N, C-alpha and C. Protein backbone atom coordinates (compact mmCIF):
# COMPACT_ATOMS: atom_id res chain seq x y z
N UNK A 1 23.91 2.02 -24.77
CA UNK A 1 23.66 0.70 -24.95
C UNK A 1 22.49 0.55 -24.27
N UNK A 2 21.17 0.32 -24.57
CA UNK A 2 19.94 0.11 -24.65
C UNK A 2 19.64 -1.23 -23.88
N UNK A 3 20.69 -2.34 -24.16
CA UNK A 3 20.02 -3.71 -23.65
C UNK A 3 20.71 -3.45 -22.14
N UNK A 4 21.42 -2.78 -21.88
CA UNK A 4 22.18 -2.84 -20.49
C UNK A 4 21.28 -2.23 -19.50
N UNK A 5 20.64 -1.13 -19.95
CA UNK A 5 19.95 -0.05 -19.17
C UNK A 5 18.46 -0.76 -18.78
N UNK A 6 18.49 -1.12 -19.67
CA UNK A 6 17.03 -2.41 -19.29
C UNK A 6 17.02 -3.50 -18.58
N UNK A 7 18.18 -4.72 -18.27
CA UNK A 7 18.49 -5.19 -17.92
C UNK A 7 18.98 -4.93 -16.44
N UNK A 8 19.24 -4.01 -16.33
CA UNK A 8 20.24 -3.00 -15.28
C UNK A 8 18.92 -2.74 -14.20
N UNK A 9 17.84 -2.11 -14.71
CA UNK A 9 16.51 -2.12 -13.82
C UNK A 9 16.02 -3.39 -13.46
N UNK A 10 15.57 -4.44 -14.05
CA UNK A 10 15.19 -5.91 -14.15
C UNK A 10 16.17 -6.11 -12.77
N UNK A 11 17.57 -6.18 -13.09
CA UNK A 11 18.66 -6.09 -11.51
C UNK A 11 18.11 -5.64 -10.50
N UNK A 12 18.02 -4.69 -10.68
CA UNK A 12 17.81 -3.32 -9.78
C UNK A 12 16.19 -3.95 -8.73
N UNK A 13 15.45 -4.56 -9.68
CA UNK A 13 14.06 -4.50 -9.28
C UNK A 13 14.00 -5.99 -8.44
N UNK A 14 14.55 -7.12 -8.90
CA UNK A 14 14.92 -8.42 -8.43
C UNK A 14 15.98 -8.34 -6.87
N UNK A 15 16.84 -7.41 -7.17
CA UNK A 15 17.71 -7.35 -5.84
C UNK A 15 17.01 -6.67 -4.68
N UNK A 16 15.87 -6.34 -4.70
CA UNK A 16 15.16 -5.35 -3.78
C UNK A 16 14.66 -7.20 -2.58
N UNK A 17 14.02 -8.05 -3.76
CA UNK A 17 13.53 -9.29 -3.05
C UNK A 17 14.46 -10.22 -3.13
N UNK A 18 16.10 -10.37 -3.67
CA UNK A 18 16.84 -11.27 -3.82
C UNK A 18 18.20 -10.77 -3.43
N UNK A 19 19.28 -11.17 -2.62
CA UNK A 19 19.98 -10.65 -1.71
C UNK A 19 21.00 -11.53 -2.83
N UNK A 20 20.72 -12.45 -3.57
CA UNK A 20 21.79 -13.09 -4.17
C UNK A 20 21.50 -13.27 -5.54
N UNK A 21 22.06 -12.50 -6.46
CA UNK A 21 21.89 -12.76 -8.12
C UNK A 21 23.00 -13.16 -8.63
N UNK A 22 22.32 -14.17 -9.69
CA UNK A 22 23.67 -14.69 -10.55
C UNK A 22 23.37 -14.13 -11.97
N UNK A 23 24.12 -13.51 -12.38
CA UNK A 23 24.19 -12.74 -13.91
C UNK A 23 25.29 -13.73 -15.09
N UNK A 24 24.36 -14.35 -15.10
CA UNK A 24 25.89 -15.29 -16.18
C UNK A 24 25.31 -15.13 -17.70
N UNK A 25 26.22 -15.15 -18.57
CA UNK A 25 26.05 -15.49 -20.32
C UNK A 25 27.29 -15.72 -20.46
N UNK A 26 27.08 -15.29 -22.24
CA UNK A 26 28.57 -15.73 -23.02
C UNK A 26 29.48 -14.77 -22.81
N UNK A 27 30.67 -14.75 -23.03
CA UNK A 27 31.94 -13.97 -23.12
C UNK A 27 31.52 -12.91 -24.28
N UNK A 28 32.11 -11.91 -23.53
CA UNK A 28 32.17 -10.32 -24.42
C UNK A 28 30.39 -9.56 -24.96
N UNK A 29 30.10 -9.93 -23.72
CA UNK A 29 28.42 -9.86 -23.96
C UNK A 29 28.03 -7.97 -23.39
N UNK A 30 28.70 -7.66 -21.96
CA UNK A 30 28.31 -6.56 -21.68
C UNK A 30 28.49 -6.92 -20.10
N UNK A 31 28.58 -8.07 -19.58
CA UNK A 31 27.96 -8.40 -18.22
C UNK A 31 28.99 -7.47 -17.46
N UNK A 32 30.24 -7.75 -17.43
CA UNK A 32 31.24 -6.69 -16.14
C UNK A 32 30.68 -5.39 -16.66
N UNK A 33 30.75 -4.63 -18.03
CA UNK A 33 30.11 -3.18 -18.24
C UNK A 33 28.82 -3.13 -17.55
N UNK A 34 27.88 -4.04 -17.26
CA UNK A 34 26.82 -3.52 -16.67
C UNK A 34 27.07 -3.35 -14.72
N UNK A 35 27.62 -4.55 -14.76
CA UNK A 35 27.71 -4.97 -13.69
C UNK A 35 28.57 -3.68 -12.79
N UNK A 36 29.17 -3.07 -13.57
CA UNK A 36 30.22 -1.76 -13.02
C UNK A 36 28.96 -0.24 -12.83
N UNK A 37 28.46 -0.50 -14.14
CA UNK A 37 27.44 0.55 -14.19
C UNK A 37 26.75 0.39 -13.07
N UNK A 38 26.15 -0.58 -12.41
CA UNK A 38 25.30 -0.75 -11.27
C UNK A 38 25.77 -0.38 -10.00
N UNK A 39 27.22 -0.49 -9.86
CA UNK A 39 28.17 -0.11 -8.74
C UNK A 39 28.14 1.25 -8.30
N UNK A 40 27.90 2.05 -9.47
CA UNK A 40 28.29 3.32 -9.36
C UNK A 40 27.20 4.27 -8.61
N UNK A 41 26.18 3.45 -7.52
CA UNK A 41 25.02 4.09 -7.03
C UNK A 41 25.59 3.74 -5.62
N UNK A 42 24.77 2.78 -5.35
CA UNK A 42 25.23 2.05 -3.87
C UNK A 42 25.67 0.72 -3.41
N UNK A 43 26.15 0.40 -4.26
CA UNK A 43 26.74 -1.16 -4.64
C UNK A 43 28.16 -1.10 -4.82
N UNK A 44 29.14 -2.18 -4.39
CA UNK A 44 30.63 -1.98 -4.35
C UNK A 44 30.31 -3.39 -5.84
N UNK A 45 31.39 -2.99 -6.47
CA UNK A 45 31.83 -3.91 -7.79
C UNK A 45 33.27 -4.59 -7.53
N UNK A 46 33.57 -6.00 -7.10
CA UNK A 46 34.51 -6.70 -7.16
C UNK A 46 34.75 -7.55 -8.21
N UNK A 47 36.10 -7.62 -8.72
CA UNK A 47 36.05 -9.10 -9.66
C UNK A 47 37.23 -9.83 -8.98
N UNK A 48 36.81 -11.02 -9.69
CA UNK A 48 37.89 -12.01 -9.57
C UNK A 48 38.96 -12.22 -10.24
N UNK A 49 39.05 -10.94 -11.32
CA UNK A 49 39.95 -10.75 -12.51
C UNK A 49 41.21 -10.30 -11.38
N UNK A 50 40.70 -9.36 -10.16
CA UNK A 50 41.87 -9.19 -9.59
C UNK A 50 42.58 -10.28 -8.79
N UNK A 51 44.25 -10.76 -9.03
CA UNK A 51 44.66 -11.63 -7.96
C UNK A 51 44.42 -11.53 -6.65
N UNK A 52 44.80 -10.61 -6.03
CA UNK A 52 44.68 -10.30 -4.56
C UNK A 52 42.93 -10.49 -4.13
N UNK A 53 42.11 -9.90 -4.60
CA UNK A 53 40.67 -10.25 -4.30
C UNK A 53 40.28 -11.84 -4.34
N UNK A 54 40.62 -12.42 -5.36
CA UNK A 54 40.70 -13.84 -5.87
C UNK A 54 41.10 -15.01 -4.87
N UNK A 55 42.47 -14.42 -4.51
CA UNK A 55 43.32 -14.81 -3.28
C UNK A 55 42.38 -15.03 -2.03
N UNK A 56 41.83 -13.86 -1.74
CA UNK A 56 41.13 -13.28 -0.58
C UNK A 56 40.02 -14.24 -0.33
N UNK A 57 39.13 -14.47 -1.83
CA UNK A 57 37.96 -14.92 -1.87
C UNK A 57 37.96 -16.39 -1.57
N UNK A 58 38.96 -17.25 -2.18
CA UNK A 58 39.50 -18.44 -1.89
C UNK A 58 40.08 -19.01 -0.54
N UNK A 59 40.39 -17.97 0.03
CA UNK A 59 41.15 -18.47 1.11
C UNK A 59 39.92 -18.35 2.63
N UNK A 60 39.76 -17.57 2.47
CA UNK A 60 38.36 -16.70 3.80
C UNK A 60 37.28 -15.92 3.12
N UNK A 61 36.61 -15.85 2.25
CA UNK A 61 35.46 -15.26 1.90
C UNK A 61 34.75 -14.56 2.69
N UNK A 62 34.68 -14.70 3.83
CA UNK A 62 33.83 -13.90 4.95
C UNK A 62 34.23 -12.61 5.40
N UNK A 63 35.48 -12.44 4.73
CA UNK A 63 35.84 -11.02 5.58
C UNK A 63 35.34 -9.64 3.98
N UNK A 64 35.92 -10.93 2.79
CA UNK A 64 35.50 -10.14 1.80
C UNK A 64 33.72 -9.83 1.73
N UNK A 65 33.21 -10.49 1.90
CA UNK A 65 31.43 -9.77 2.48
C UNK A 65 31.71 -9.00 3.39
N UNK A 66 31.95 -9.53 4.57
CA UNK A 66 31.80 -8.68 5.76
C UNK A 66 32.52 -6.89 5.60
N UNK A 67 33.36 -6.93 4.67
CA UNK A 67 34.04 -5.27 4.58
C UNK A 67 33.55 -4.57 3.56
N UNK A 68 32.16 -4.96 3.08
CA UNK A 68 31.35 -4.55 1.89
C UNK A 68 29.98 -4.04 2.73
N UNK A 69 29.43 -2.97 2.11
CA UNK A 69 28.06 -2.98 2.65
C UNK A 69 27.54 -3.64 1.38
N UNK A 70 26.22 -5.12 1.96
CA UNK A 70 25.56 -5.45 0.70
C UNK A 70 24.74 -4.20 -0.27
N UNK A 71 24.62 -4.77 -1.33
CA UNK A 71 25.09 -5.91 -2.01
C UNK A 71 26.15 -5.28 -2.96
N UNK A 72 26.66 -6.65 -2.99
CA UNK A 72 28.05 -6.84 -3.19
C UNK A 72 27.71 -7.48 -5.10
N UNK A 73 28.38 -6.52 -5.85
CA UNK A 73 28.65 -7.40 -7.15
C UNK A 73 29.85 -7.86 -7.67
N UNK A 74 29.89 -9.11 -7.81
CA UNK A 74 30.87 -9.98 -8.20
C UNK A 74 31.10 -10.12 -9.38
N UNK A 75 32.09 -10.16 -10.27
CA UNK A 75 32.66 -10.20 -11.68
C UNK A 75 33.66 -11.35 -11.81
N UNK A 76 33.25 -11.87 -12.99
CA UNK A 76 34.25 -13.23 -13.22
C UNK A 76 34.23 -13.55 -11.81
N UNK A 77 33.01 -14.25 -10.88
CA UNK A 77 33.04 -15.38 -9.93
C UNK A 77 33.11 -16.75 -10.34
N UNK A 78 33.50 -16.81 -11.83
CA UNK A 78 33.76 -18.48 -12.20
C UNK A 78 35.06 -18.97 -11.70
N UNK A 79 35.84 -18.00 -11.11
CA UNK A 79 37.54 -18.28 -10.76
C UNK A 79 37.26 -18.59 -9.78
N UNK A 80 36.00 -18.21 -8.77
CA UNK A 80 36.13 -18.20 -7.08
C UNK A 80 34.62 -18.95 -7.01
N UNK A 81 34.94 -20.44 -7.49
CA UNK A 81 33.23 -21.09 -6.99
C UNK A 81 33.07 -21.25 -5.80
N UNK A 82 34.23 -21.34 -4.61
CA UNK A 82 34.27 -21.36 -3.08
C UNK A 82 33.08 -20.22 -3.04
N UNK A 83 32.87 -19.01 -3.64
CA UNK A 83 32.43 -17.90 -3.07
C UNK A 83 30.30 -18.51 -3.14
N UNK A 84 29.86 -19.48 -4.09
CA UNK A 84 28.57 -19.73 -3.98
C UNK A 84 28.09 -20.12 -2.76
N UNK A 85 28.64 -20.96 -2.27
CA UNK A 85 27.78 -21.62 -0.82
C UNK A 85 27.98 -20.29 0.37
N UNK A 86 28.98 -19.54 0.10
CA UNK A 86 29.21 -18.42 1.42
C UNK A 86 28.07 -17.01 0.98
N UNK A 87 28.36 -17.31 -0.60
CA UNK A 87 27.13 -16.17 -0.68
C UNK A 87 25.59 -16.26 -0.37
N UNK A 88 25.19 -17.50 -0.47
CA UNK A 88 24.00 -18.00 -0.32
C UNK A 88 23.52 -17.58 1.27
N UNK A 89 24.64 -17.98 1.98
CA UNK A 89 24.74 -18.21 3.63
C UNK A 89 24.58 -16.24 3.88
N UNK A 90 25.48 -15.73 3.56
CA UNK A 90 25.12 -14.23 3.70
C UNK A 90 23.85 -14.11 3.63
N UNK A 91 23.22 -14.23 2.22
CA UNK A 91 22.03 -13.67 1.84
C UNK A 91 20.98 -13.97 2.99
N UNK A 92 20.87 -15.35 2.88
CA UNK A 92 19.91 -16.06 4.11
C UNK A 92 20.20 -15.10 5.41
N UNK A 93 21.52 -14.92 5.67
CA UNK A 93 21.40 -14.10 7.10
C UNK A 93 20.94 -12.43 6.97
N UNK A 94 21.18 -12.18 5.87
CA UNK A 94 20.99 -10.73 5.52
C UNK A 94 19.22 -10.74 5.53
N UNK A 95 18.69 -11.74 5.18
CA UNK A 95 17.56 -11.46 4.65
C UNK A 95 16.57 -11.80 6.56
N UNK A 96 17.20 -12.96 7.44
CA UNK A 96 16.66 -12.79 8.45
C UNK A 96 17.08 -11.53 9.31
N UNK A 97 17.70 -10.84 9.12
CA UNK A 97 18.32 -9.69 10.46
C UNK A 97 17.23 -8.53 9.63
N UNK A 98 16.75 -8.54 8.35
CA UNK A 98 15.76 -7.42 7.87
C UNK A 98 14.39 -7.78 8.26
N UNK A 99 14.18 -9.17 8.58
CA UNK A 99 13.02 -9.41 9.16
C UNK A 99 12.69 -9.32 10.47
């Protein structure tokens, strides 16, 4: 699938500058597949389709972020909108630590 490979490279390049990247789009177009493919190397893929992961994200998202090396790819994040402010804070903190 050529689209996934092309977009994957764009996301990897953007991830060098931005610690938080949001991938959105219509259903059934390959977002989850793309994230899983990107997670093969040095990234972790989590999905909010998993009830246990979703519950952890809703209860206290910080351990979810702290227990994995960044960057973390999160699928189906619309099920846990609570993650958005926390992911921004984590992204800012990570950037500050690296400067």
